[in-house]
Protein backbone atom coordinates (compact mmCIF):
# COMPACT_ATOMS: atom_id res chain seq x y z
CA MET A 1 12.33 -36.03 -6.78
CA LYS A 2 11.30 -34.16 -3.64
CA GLU A 3 7.65 -33.15 -3.38
CA ILE A 4 6.61 -30.00 -1.52
CA ARG A 5 3.09 -30.29 -0.17
CA VAL A 6 1.15 -27.05 0.22
CA GLY A 7 -1.97 -26.50 2.32
CA LEU A 8 -4.06 -23.57 1.12
CA ILE A 9 -6.39 -21.74 3.52
CA GLY A 10 -8.68 -19.52 1.46
CA PHE A 11 -9.74 -20.35 -2.10
CA GLY A 12 -10.80 -16.89 -3.20
CA THR A 13 -9.31 -14.80 -5.96
CA VAL A 14 -5.67 -15.09 -4.87
CA GLY A 15 -6.04 -18.72 -3.78
CA LYS A 16 -7.32 -19.63 -7.23
CA GLY A 17 -4.45 -17.61 -8.70
CA LEU A 18 -1.90 -19.66 -6.75
CA ALA A 19 -3.53 -22.89 -7.95
CA GLU A 20 -3.41 -21.63 -11.55
CA VAL A 21 0.26 -20.65 -11.28
CA LEU A 22 1.35 -23.97 -9.74
CA LEU A 23 -0.54 -25.84 -12.46
CA ALA A 24 0.60 -23.74 -15.41
CA GLN A 25 4.24 -23.50 -14.30
CA GLN A 26 4.67 -27.03 -12.98
CA GLU A 27 7.24 -28.10 -15.60
CA ARG A 28 9.16 -24.84 -15.32
CA LEU A 29 9.32 -25.13 -11.53
CA VAL A 30 10.74 -28.64 -11.81
CA LYS A 31 13.46 -27.36 -14.17
CA ARG A 32 14.33 -24.50 -11.86
CA THR A 33 14.13 -26.25 -8.50
CA GLY A 34 14.24 -30.01 -9.02
CA MET A 35 11.08 -30.24 -6.90
CA ILE A 36 7.41 -30.91 -7.48
CA PHE A 37 4.92 -28.52 -5.85
CA ARG A 38 1.54 -30.02 -5.03
CA LEU A 39 -1.58 -28.58 -3.46
CA ALA A 40 -2.22 -31.19 -0.79
CA GLY A 41 -5.37 -29.64 0.65
CA ILE A 42 -7.65 -26.62 0.46
CA ALA A 43 -9.64 -25.12 3.33
CA ASP A 44 -12.48 -22.77 2.45
CA ARG A 45 -15.86 -22.18 4.07
CA THR A 46 -17.75 -21.36 0.88
CA THR A 47 -16.13 -23.57 -1.78
CA THR A 48 -17.97 -26.85 -2.40
CA GLU A 49 -15.73 -28.30 -5.10
CA VAL A 50 -12.33 -27.74 -6.67
CA PRO A 51 -12.15 -27.50 -10.50
CA GLU A 52 -11.09 -30.81 -12.03
CA ARG A 53 -8.06 -29.30 -13.79
CA PHE A 54 -6.33 -28.89 -10.43
CA GLY A 55 -6.59 -32.61 -9.76
CA PRO A 56 -8.11 -34.48 -6.82
CA ILE A 57 -7.41 -32.11 -3.93
CA PRO A 58 -8.92 -32.76 -0.48
CA LEU A 59 -11.33 -29.99 0.50
CA THR A 60 -12.27 -28.99 4.03
CA ARG A 61 -14.02 -26.10 5.74
CA ASN A 62 -11.47 -25.92 8.57
CA GLY A 63 -7.95 -24.58 8.27
CA GLU A 64 -7.01 -26.53 11.39
CA ASP A 65 -7.40 -29.76 9.39
CA LEU A 66 -4.55 -28.72 7.10
CA ILE A 67 -2.39 -27.53 9.99
CA ALA A 68 -2.82 -30.89 11.71
CA ASN A 69 -1.88 -32.85 8.56
CA PRO A 70 1.71 -34.08 9.07
CA GLU A 71 2.25 -34.45 5.32
CA ILE A 72 1.84 -30.71 4.61
CA ASP A 73 5.06 -28.69 4.57
CA ILE A 74 3.83 -25.14 3.93
CA ILE A 75 0.58 -23.43 4.95
CA VAL A 76 -0.59 -20.59 2.70
CA GLU A 77 -3.02 -18.19 4.42
CA LEU A 78 -5.15 -16.19 1.98
CA ILE A 79 -8.33 -15.41 3.92
CA GLY A 80 -7.35 -11.85 4.88
CA GLY A 81 -8.27 -9.81 7.94
CA ILE A 82 -6.92 -10.17 11.47
CA GLU A 83 -8.96 -13.05 12.84
CA PRO A 84 -9.13 -15.97 12.38
CA ALA A 85 -6.07 -15.42 10.18
CA LYS A 86 -3.72 -14.63 13.08
CA THR A 87 -4.83 -17.63 15.09
CA LEU A 88 -4.40 -19.95 12.12
CA VAL A 89 -0.97 -18.57 11.24
CA LEU A 90 0.25 -18.93 14.84
CA GLN A 91 -1.19 -22.45 15.02
CA ALA A 92 0.65 -23.39 11.83
CA ILE A 93 3.91 -21.96 13.19
CA ALA A 94 3.45 -23.80 16.49
CA ALA A 95 2.96 -27.02 14.50
CA GLY A 96 6.29 -26.46 12.77
CA LYS A 97 4.82 -25.46 9.42
CA HIS A 98 6.29 -22.76 7.24
CA VAL A 99 3.78 -20.03 6.38
CA VAL A 100 3.12 -17.88 3.32
CA THR A 101 0.59 -15.04 3.50
CA ALA A 102 -0.62 -12.12 1.39
CA ASN A 103 -2.29 -10.54 4.43
CA LYS A 104 -0.98 -6.97 4.68
CA ALA A 105 -3.52 -6.00 7.36
CA LEU A 106 -2.36 -8.86 9.57
CA LEU A 107 1.35 -8.19 9.11
CA SER A 108 1.06 -4.43 9.50
CA GLN A 109 -0.68 -4.92 12.85
CA GLU A 110 0.54 -8.23 14.23
CA GLY A 111 3.75 -8.86 12.30
CA SER A 112 6.04 -8.57 15.33
CA ASP A 113 4.26 -11.41 17.15
CA ILE A 114 4.17 -13.60 14.05
CA PHE A 115 7.84 -13.13 13.15
CA ALA A 116 8.91 -13.72 16.77
CA ALA A 117 6.90 -16.96 16.93
CA ALA A 118 8.42 -18.14 13.65
CA ALA A 119 11.95 -17.44 14.91
CA ARG A 120 11.30 -19.45 18.08
CA GLN A 121 10.00 -22.41 16.07
CA GLY A 122 12.66 -22.24 13.37
CA VAL A 123 10.20 -21.80 10.51
CA GLU A 124 9.86 -19.18 7.78
CA VAL A 125 7.15 -16.64 6.94
CA GLY A 126 6.88 -15.45 3.34
CA PHE A 127 4.83 -12.37 2.48
CA GLU A 128 5.85 -11.16 -0.99
CA ALA A 129 2.23 -10.78 -2.11
CA SER A 130 1.36 -8.47 0.78
CA VAL A 131 2.73 -5.40 -1.03
CA GLY A 132 2.47 -4.63 -4.72
CA GLY A 133 0.69 -7.77 -5.90
CA GLY A 134 2.95 -9.33 -8.52
CA ILE A 135 5.75 -6.74 -8.08
CA PRO A 136 8.76 -8.34 -6.28
CA VAL A 137 9.23 -5.42 -3.90
CA ILE A 138 9.60 -7.48 -0.69
CA LYS A 139 12.45 -9.51 -2.17
CA ALA A 140 14.09 -6.30 -3.36
CA PHE A 141 14.04 -4.86 0.16
CA ARG A 142 15.02 -8.13 1.89
CA GLU A 143 17.90 -9.08 -0.40
CA GLY A 144 18.53 -6.89 -3.43
CA LEU A 145 19.06 -3.72 -1.38
CA VAL A 146 20.79 -5.28 1.62
CA ALA A 147 23.91 -3.12 1.07
CA ASN A 148 21.92 0.13 0.97
CA ARG A 149 20.69 2.62 3.50
CA ILE A 150 17.18 3.38 2.25
CA LEU A 151 16.66 7.14 2.26
CA SER A 152 13.09 7.36 0.99
CA ILE A 153 10.11 5.36 -0.21
CA MET A 154 7.28 6.68 -2.35
CA GLY A 155 4.62 4.64 -4.00
CA ILE A 156 1.25 4.17 -5.60
CA MET A 157 0.21 1.04 -3.75
CA ASN A 158 -3.53 0.72 -4.29
CA GLY A 159 -4.85 -0.09 -7.74
CA THR A 160 -8.45 0.81 -6.93
CA ALA A 161 -7.61 4.36 -5.86
CA ASN A 162 -5.26 4.80 -8.81
CA TYR A 163 -7.90 3.54 -11.25
CA ILE A 164 -10.44 6.01 -9.85
CA LEU A 165 -8.04 8.96 -10.01
CA THR A 166 -6.96 8.02 -13.54
CA ARG A 167 -10.56 7.94 -14.81
CA MET A 168 -11.30 11.24 -13.08
CA THR A 169 -8.19 12.78 -14.66
CA ASP A 170 -8.57 11.44 -18.18
CA GLU A 171 -12.35 11.68 -18.53
CA GLY A 172 -13.49 14.25 -15.97
CA ILE A 173 -15.88 11.81 -14.28
CA PRO A 174 -16.92 12.57 -10.67
CA PHE A 175 -15.54 10.41 -7.88
CA ALA A 176 -18.83 8.73 -6.92
CA GLU A 177 -19.58 7.73 -10.52
CA VAL A 178 -16.13 6.23 -11.09
CA LEU A 179 -16.33 4.35 -7.80
CA GLN A 180 -19.64 2.76 -8.79
CA GLU A 181 -18.16 1.70 -12.11
CA ALA A 182 -15.07 0.28 -10.40
CA GLN A 183 -17.35 -1.77 -8.17
CA ARG A 184 -19.28 -3.10 -11.18
CA LEU A 185 -16.02 -4.08 -12.89
CA GLY A 186 -14.64 -5.75 -9.78
CA PHE A 187 -11.80 -3.26 -9.23
CA ALA A 188 -13.39 -2.07 -5.97
CA GLU A 189 -14.99 -4.00 -3.13
CA ALA A 190 -18.62 -3.57 -2.13
CA ASP A 191 -17.21 -1.73 0.90
CA PRO A 192 -14.32 0.26 -0.63
CA THR A 193 -13.32 2.09 2.56
CA TYR A 194 -9.86 0.53 2.92
CA ASP A 195 -8.99 1.39 -0.68
CA ILE A 196 -10.36 4.91 -1.06
CA GLU A 197 -9.51 6.13 2.44
CA GLY A 198 -5.86 5.07 2.19
CA ILE A 199 -5.98 2.34 4.86
CA ASP A 200 -4.86 -0.44 2.51
CA THR A 201 -1.96 1.73 1.36
CA ALA A 202 -1.01 2.44 5.00
CA HIS A 203 -0.90 -1.32 5.70
CA LYS A 204 1.59 -1.76 2.87
CA LEU A 205 3.70 1.25 3.80
CA ALA A 206 3.98 -0.03 7.38
CA ILE A 207 5.48 -3.28 6.08
CA LEU A 208 7.96 -1.48 3.80
CA VAL A 209 9.00 1.00 6.49
CA SER A 210 9.70 -1.88 8.89
CA MET A 211 11.87 -3.58 6.28
CA ALA A 212 13.61 -0.49 4.93
CA TYR A 213 14.64 1.02 8.25
CA GLY A 214 14.67 -1.95 10.64
CA MET A 215 12.01 -0.58 12.95
CA PRO A 216 8.66 -1.89 14.20
CA VAL A 217 5.74 0.09 12.74
CA THR A 218 2.00 -0.50 12.65
CA HIS A 219 -0.36 1.17 10.23
CA HIS A 220 -1.98 2.97 13.18
CA GLU A 221 1.15 5.13 13.44
CA ILE A 222 0.91 6.31 9.83
CA ALA A 223 -1.00 9.53 9.12
CA THR A 224 -3.60 8.56 6.52
CA GLU A 225 -5.97 10.50 4.26
CA GLY A 226 -8.09 9.21 1.38
CA ILE A 227 -9.32 10.48 -1.98
CA SER A 228 -13.08 10.73 -1.41
CA ARG A 229 -13.03 14.56 -1.26
CA ILE A 230 -11.19 14.99 -4.57
CA GLU A 231 -13.43 16.60 -7.20
CA PRO A 232 -13.03 16.99 -10.98
CA MET A 233 -12.26 20.67 -10.38
CA ASP A 234 -9.20 19.69 -8.33
CA ILE A 235 -8.10 17.33 -11.07
CA GLU A 236 -8.40 20.08 -13.69
CA LEU A 237 -6.64 22.66 -11.55
CA ALA A 238 -3.82 20.18 -10.90
CA ARG A 239 -3.42 19.88 -14.67
CA GLU A 240 -3.16 23.67 -14.96
CA LEU A 241 -0.42 23.55 -12.34
CA GLY A 242 1.45 20.86 -14.30
CA CYS A 243 0.54 18.03 -11.92
CA ARG A 244 -1.52 14.87 -11.60
CA ILE A 245 -3.19 13.86 -8.33
CA LYS A 246 -2.11 10.48 -6.94
CA LEU A 247 -2.72 8.70 -3.64
CA LEU A 248 0.86 8.38 -2.44
CA ALA A 249 2.59 6.52 0.34
CA ILE A 250 5.59 8.61 1.39
CA SER A 251 8.40 7.84 3.81
CA ARG A 252 11.72 9.59 4.35
CA ASN A 253 14.55 8.46 6.60
CA HIS A 254 15.88 11.26 8.82
CA GLY A 255 18.06 9.01 10.96
CA ASP A 256 16.61 9.48 14.44
CA HIS A 257 13.08 9.89 13.09
CA VAL A 258 11.15 8.67 10.05
CA GLU A 259 8.29 10.14 8.03
CA ALA A 260 5.46 7.77 7.18
CA ARG A 261 2.27 9.13 5.62
CA VAL A 262 -0.44 8.39 3.07
CA HIS A 263 -2.44 11.13 1.36
CA PRO A 264 -3.52 12.55 -2.00
CA THR A 265 -0.59 14.39 -3.56
CA MET A 266 -0.11 16.65 -6.55
CA VAL A 267 2.73 15.03 -8.45
CA PRO A 268 4.59 17.06 -11.12
CA GLN A 269 3.89 15.60 -14.55
CA ASP A 270 7.59 14.95 -15.25
CA HIS A 271 7.94 12.76 -12.14
CA LEU A 272 8.08 8.99 -12.71
CA LEU A 273 5.04 8.35 -10.52
CA ALA A 274 2.84 10.78 -12.47
CA SER A 275 2.73 8.36 -15.41
CA ILE A 276 1.47 5.37 -13.39
CA ASN A 277 -2.17 4.99 -14.39
CA GLY A 278 -5.10 2.61 -14.19
CA ALA A 279 -4.92 -0.28 -11.74
CA PHE A 280 -1.11 -0.38 -11.84
CA ASN A 281 1.14 0.11 -8.82
CA ALA A 282 4.65 1.53 -8.56
CA ILE A 283 7.11 1.76 -5.70
CA HIS A 284 9.92 4.28 -6.00
CA PHE A 285 12.78 4.24 -3.52
CA HIS A 286 16.19 5.81 -3.10
CA GLY A 287 19.16 3.97 -1.66
CA ASP A 288 22.44 5.62 -0.76
CA MET A 289 24.37 3.20 -3.02
CA VAL A 290 21.90 2.28 -5.76
CA GLY A 291 20.24 5.68 -6.20
CA ASN A 292 16.69 5.86 -7.59
CA VAL A 293 14.78 2.66 -8.39
CA LEU A 294 11.21 2.23 -9.63
CA LEU A 295 9.35 -1.10 -9.49
CA TYR A 296 6.18 -1.14 -11.60
CA GLY A 297 3.46 -3.66 -12.34
CA LEU A 298 0.00 -4.97 -11.53
CA GLY A 299 -0.64 -4.43 -7.84
CA ALA A 300 -3.49 -6.90 -7.61
CA GLY A 301 -5.30 -9.56 -9.60
CA MET A 302 -5.66 -13.31 -9.43
CA VAL A 303 -2.62 -14.50 -11.39
CA PRO A 304 -0.11 -11.68 -10.66
CA THR A 305 -0.68 -12.00 -6.92
CA GLY A 306 -0.76 -15.79 -7.18
CA SER A 307 2.65 -15.54 -8.85
CA ALA A 308 4.03 -13.66 -5.84
CA VAL A 309 2.62 -16.26 -3.43
CA ALA A 310 4.20 -19.03 -5.51
CA ALA A 311 7.56 -17.23 -5.35
CA ASP A 312 7.46 -17.40 -1.55
CA VAL A 313 6.55 -21.09 -1.63
CA VAL A 314 9.51 -21.78 -3.93
CA ASP A 315 11.93 -19.71 -1.81
CA ILE A 316 10.96 -21.61 1.33
CA ALA A 317 11.19 -24.96 -0.48
CA ARG A 318 14.70 -24.13 -1.70
CA ASN A 319 15.75 -23.25 1.85
CA MET A 320 14.23 -26.51 3.09
CA GLN A 321 16.09 -28.47 0.42
CA HIS A 322 19.47 -27.00 1.39
CA GLY A 323 18.98 -26.82 5.16
CA ALA A 324 18.99 -23.02 5.05
CA ILE A 325 15.82 -22.13 6.94
CA GLY A 326 16.19 -18.66 8.41
CA ARG A 327 18.89 -17.71 5.90
CA VAL A 328 17.31 -14.26 5.46
CA PRO A 329 15.42 -12.65 8.38
CA PRO A 330 11.81 -11.72 7.54
CA LEU A 331 12.48 -7.98 7.81
CA SER A 332 16.03 -8.31 6.41
CA TYR A 333 17.49 -6.98 9.69
CA LEU A 334 18.53 -9.40 12.41
CA PRO A 335 15.77 -9.50 15.07
CA ASP A 336 17.93 -7.84 17.76
CA GLN A 337 18.66 -5.00 15.32
CA VAL A 338 14.99 -4.11 14.76
CA LYS A 339 14.68 -1.10 17.05
CA PRO A 340 12.02 1.59 17.57
CA ARG A 341 12.42 5.04 16.09
CA ARG A 342 10.21 8.08 16.29
CA ILE A 343 7.60 8.56 13.59
CA THR A 344 7.70 12.23 12.60
CA PRO A 345 4.41 13.91 13.58
CA MET A 346 2.66 15.45 10.60
CA GLU A 347 2.65 18.79 12.41
CA GLU A 348 6.45 18.97 12.08
CA LEU A 349 6.58 18.42 8.33
CA TYR A 350 7.10 21.12 5.71
CA GLY A 351 5.95 21.30 2.10
CA PRO A 352 3.99 23.32 -0.47
CA TYR A 353 0.20 23.15 -0.52
CA TYR A 354 -2.81 23.57 -2.75
CA PHE A 355 -5.91 25.05 -1.11
CA ARG A 356 -9.30 25.24 -2.80
CA LEU A 357 -11.70 27.56 -1.01
CA THR A 358 -15.33 28.34 -1.85
CA VAL A 359 -15.82 32.02 -1.09
CA LEU A 360 -18.33 34.79 -1.64
CA ASP A 361 -17.25 37.00 -4.54
CA GLN A 362 -16.82 40.20 -2.55
CA PRO A 363 -14.13 42.88 -2.27
CA GLY A 364 -11.52 42.24 0.40
CA VAL A 365 -12.02 38.47 0.68
CA LEU A 366 -8.63 37.57 -0.77
CA ALA A 367 -6.90 40.25 1.29
CA ARG A 368 -8.38 38.88 4.49
CA ILE A 369 -7.40 35.29 3.64
CA SER A 370 -3.87 36.29 2.62
CA GLY A 371 -3.55 38.26 5.84
CA ILE A 372 -4.35 35.15 7.90
CA LEU A 373 -1.85 33.08 5.93
CA SER A 374 0.79 35.76 6.42
CA ARG A 375 0.29 35.74 10.19
CA TYR A 376 1.11 32.02 10.18
CA GLU A 377 4.17 32.63 7.97
CA ILE A 378 2.63 30.90 4.97
CA SER A 379 3.85 32.45 1.73
CA ILE A 380 1.58 32.46 -1.34
CA GLU A 381 3.12 31.35 -4.64
CA SER A 382 0.05 31.83 -6.87
CA VAL A 383 -3.69 32.48 -6.79
CA ILE A 384 -6.34 31.27 -9.25
CA GLN A 385 -9.95 32.47 -9.18
CA LYS A 386 -12.41 30.66 -11.41
CA GLY A 387 -15.41 32.68 -12.65
CA ARG A 388 -17.13 35.70 -11.15
CA LYS A 389 -20.63 35.94 -9.76
CA LYS A 390 -22.62 38.95 -8.61
CA VAL A 391 -24.36 36.68 -6.14
CA GLY A 392 -23.08 33.39 -4.71
CA ALA A 393 -19.78 31.66 -4.15
CA VAL A 394 -16.79 31.04 -6.42
CA PRO A 395 -13.75 28.77 -6.12
CA LEU A 396 -10.53 30.40 -5.02
CA VAL A 397 -7.30 28.40 -5.38
CA ILE A 398 -4.13 29.26 -3.50
CA VAL A 399 -0.77 27.54 -3.99
CA THR A 400 1.79 28.12 -1.25
CA HIS A 401 5.52 27.88 -0.90
CA SER A 402 6.84 25.36 1.62
CA ALA A 403 5.08 25.77 4.97
CA ARG A 404 4.91 23.92 8.27
CA GLU A 405 1.93 21.56 8.59
CA SER A 406 0.97 22.82 12.05
CA ALA A 407 0.83 26.41 10.74
CA VAL A 408 -1.26 25.33 7.74
CA SER A 409 -3.75 23.50 9.97
CA ALA A 410 -4.14 26.49 12.27
CA ALA A 411 -4.50 28.95 9.39
CA LEU A 412 -7.11 26.86 7.58
CA ASP A 413 -9.06 26.40 10.78
CA GLU A 414 -9.24 30.20 11.14
CA ILE A 415 -10.04 30.72 7.45
CA SER A 416 -12.83 28.14 7.51
CA ARG A 417 -14.61 30.18 10.21
CA LEU A 418 -14.84 33.29 8.00
CA GLU A 419 -18.41 34.15 7.03
CA THR A 420 -17.26 34.58 3.43
CA VAL A 421 -16.02 30.96 3.23
CA THR A 422 -19.06 28.83 2.41
CA ALA A 423 -17.69 25.27 2.22
CA PRO A 424 -14.92 23.16 3.78
CA VAL A 425 -11.45 23.97 2.47
CA VAL A 426 -9.85 21.30 0.28
CA LYS A 427 -6.14 20.84 1.07
CA ILE A 428 -3.78 18.79 -1.11
CA ARG A 429 -0.05 18.55 -0.54
CA ILE A 430 2.30 19.10 -3.48
CA LEU A 431 5.25 16.78 -3.99
CA GLU A 432 8.60 18.53 -3.79
CA GLU A 433 11.45 17.46 -6.04
CA ASP A 434 13.64 16.36 -3.14
CA GLU A 435 10.93 13.90 -2.11
């Protein structure tokens, strides 16, 4: 029986998850593949010993030791970040090793170089765990939807942000308090910037956009906003408007140009994505043949993500067994068919908006603000004013009909300079049904 030897670089949460999955599912994998999968070495700078249940596995501090081992077939990179991960991945490819990674930051920034190197060397790169944790979204895009033109992608792709927004919505807890609790529970990192500011979600969207449309995209090209300015008042007002606030990744295929953006969004309560709560993720897409599809599950976690890494290892092993390396291109499109397209500037996009202004409660304030919006051809759908004060400021909420982003930015810049506006304006986009 053929044995597939795996070298694991990084024995953190996901690395331990992979080890657990390979151990727990060993018999099942034999029945499904006719192969034995063995961890042949682990490289980690902080681990001093491997739990006995995983067996006697050689441990080193240097990933290069595993790459240089001629007995290892597949290198799994789970250290994250750009360097030294990129160097190690390219070294493994140069040594003729197949590679599996969960590193969305690396692929969203350096994927083109990595995939090109793998093609030259005739090896494979698996990255199922880079988007959606245990959700098989990469395989869906690479193979299941191969006969579809993908028209749109929308998703909740960061469990930390979704957990925070869910607690704020269901319990009215302020952002900072929920974040601290998420950090105590291990849902959020000590430095949560990538999660709460949308950067992690942008990494994942860049990978999906590349696969869905056959175009090279980095996360730097994706307009990105986070959730740190969302307050309980916005959550409550969203409820009054029949919405829930979610951090969404949104992309729409316009043919010669493609939208790609990440930002807080008011999602109508009857939309599928409005019901995705807690640390769960969901990716919703529309194909011209298949129609609407929603993939839902745990977007992170030791065992779910380890399961996705194991799936890549098994896929590569099956291709090795049948001499079918390179059967499916990494991005689903043939390399010479991956071609640049314009990313739609945010300023060109249209949609409805929610504005929350803090204004002095004086006669004529609303008239002046509505006059500015009118000059920029922004039509008001509804206005909500909470409370009245003889002295001091009150919140004023305006919901607009569809408006151009550039006009909204210019109007809010002018409004924010009014002496009667006492705090920065909060702007949240509202999801339209055709999105």
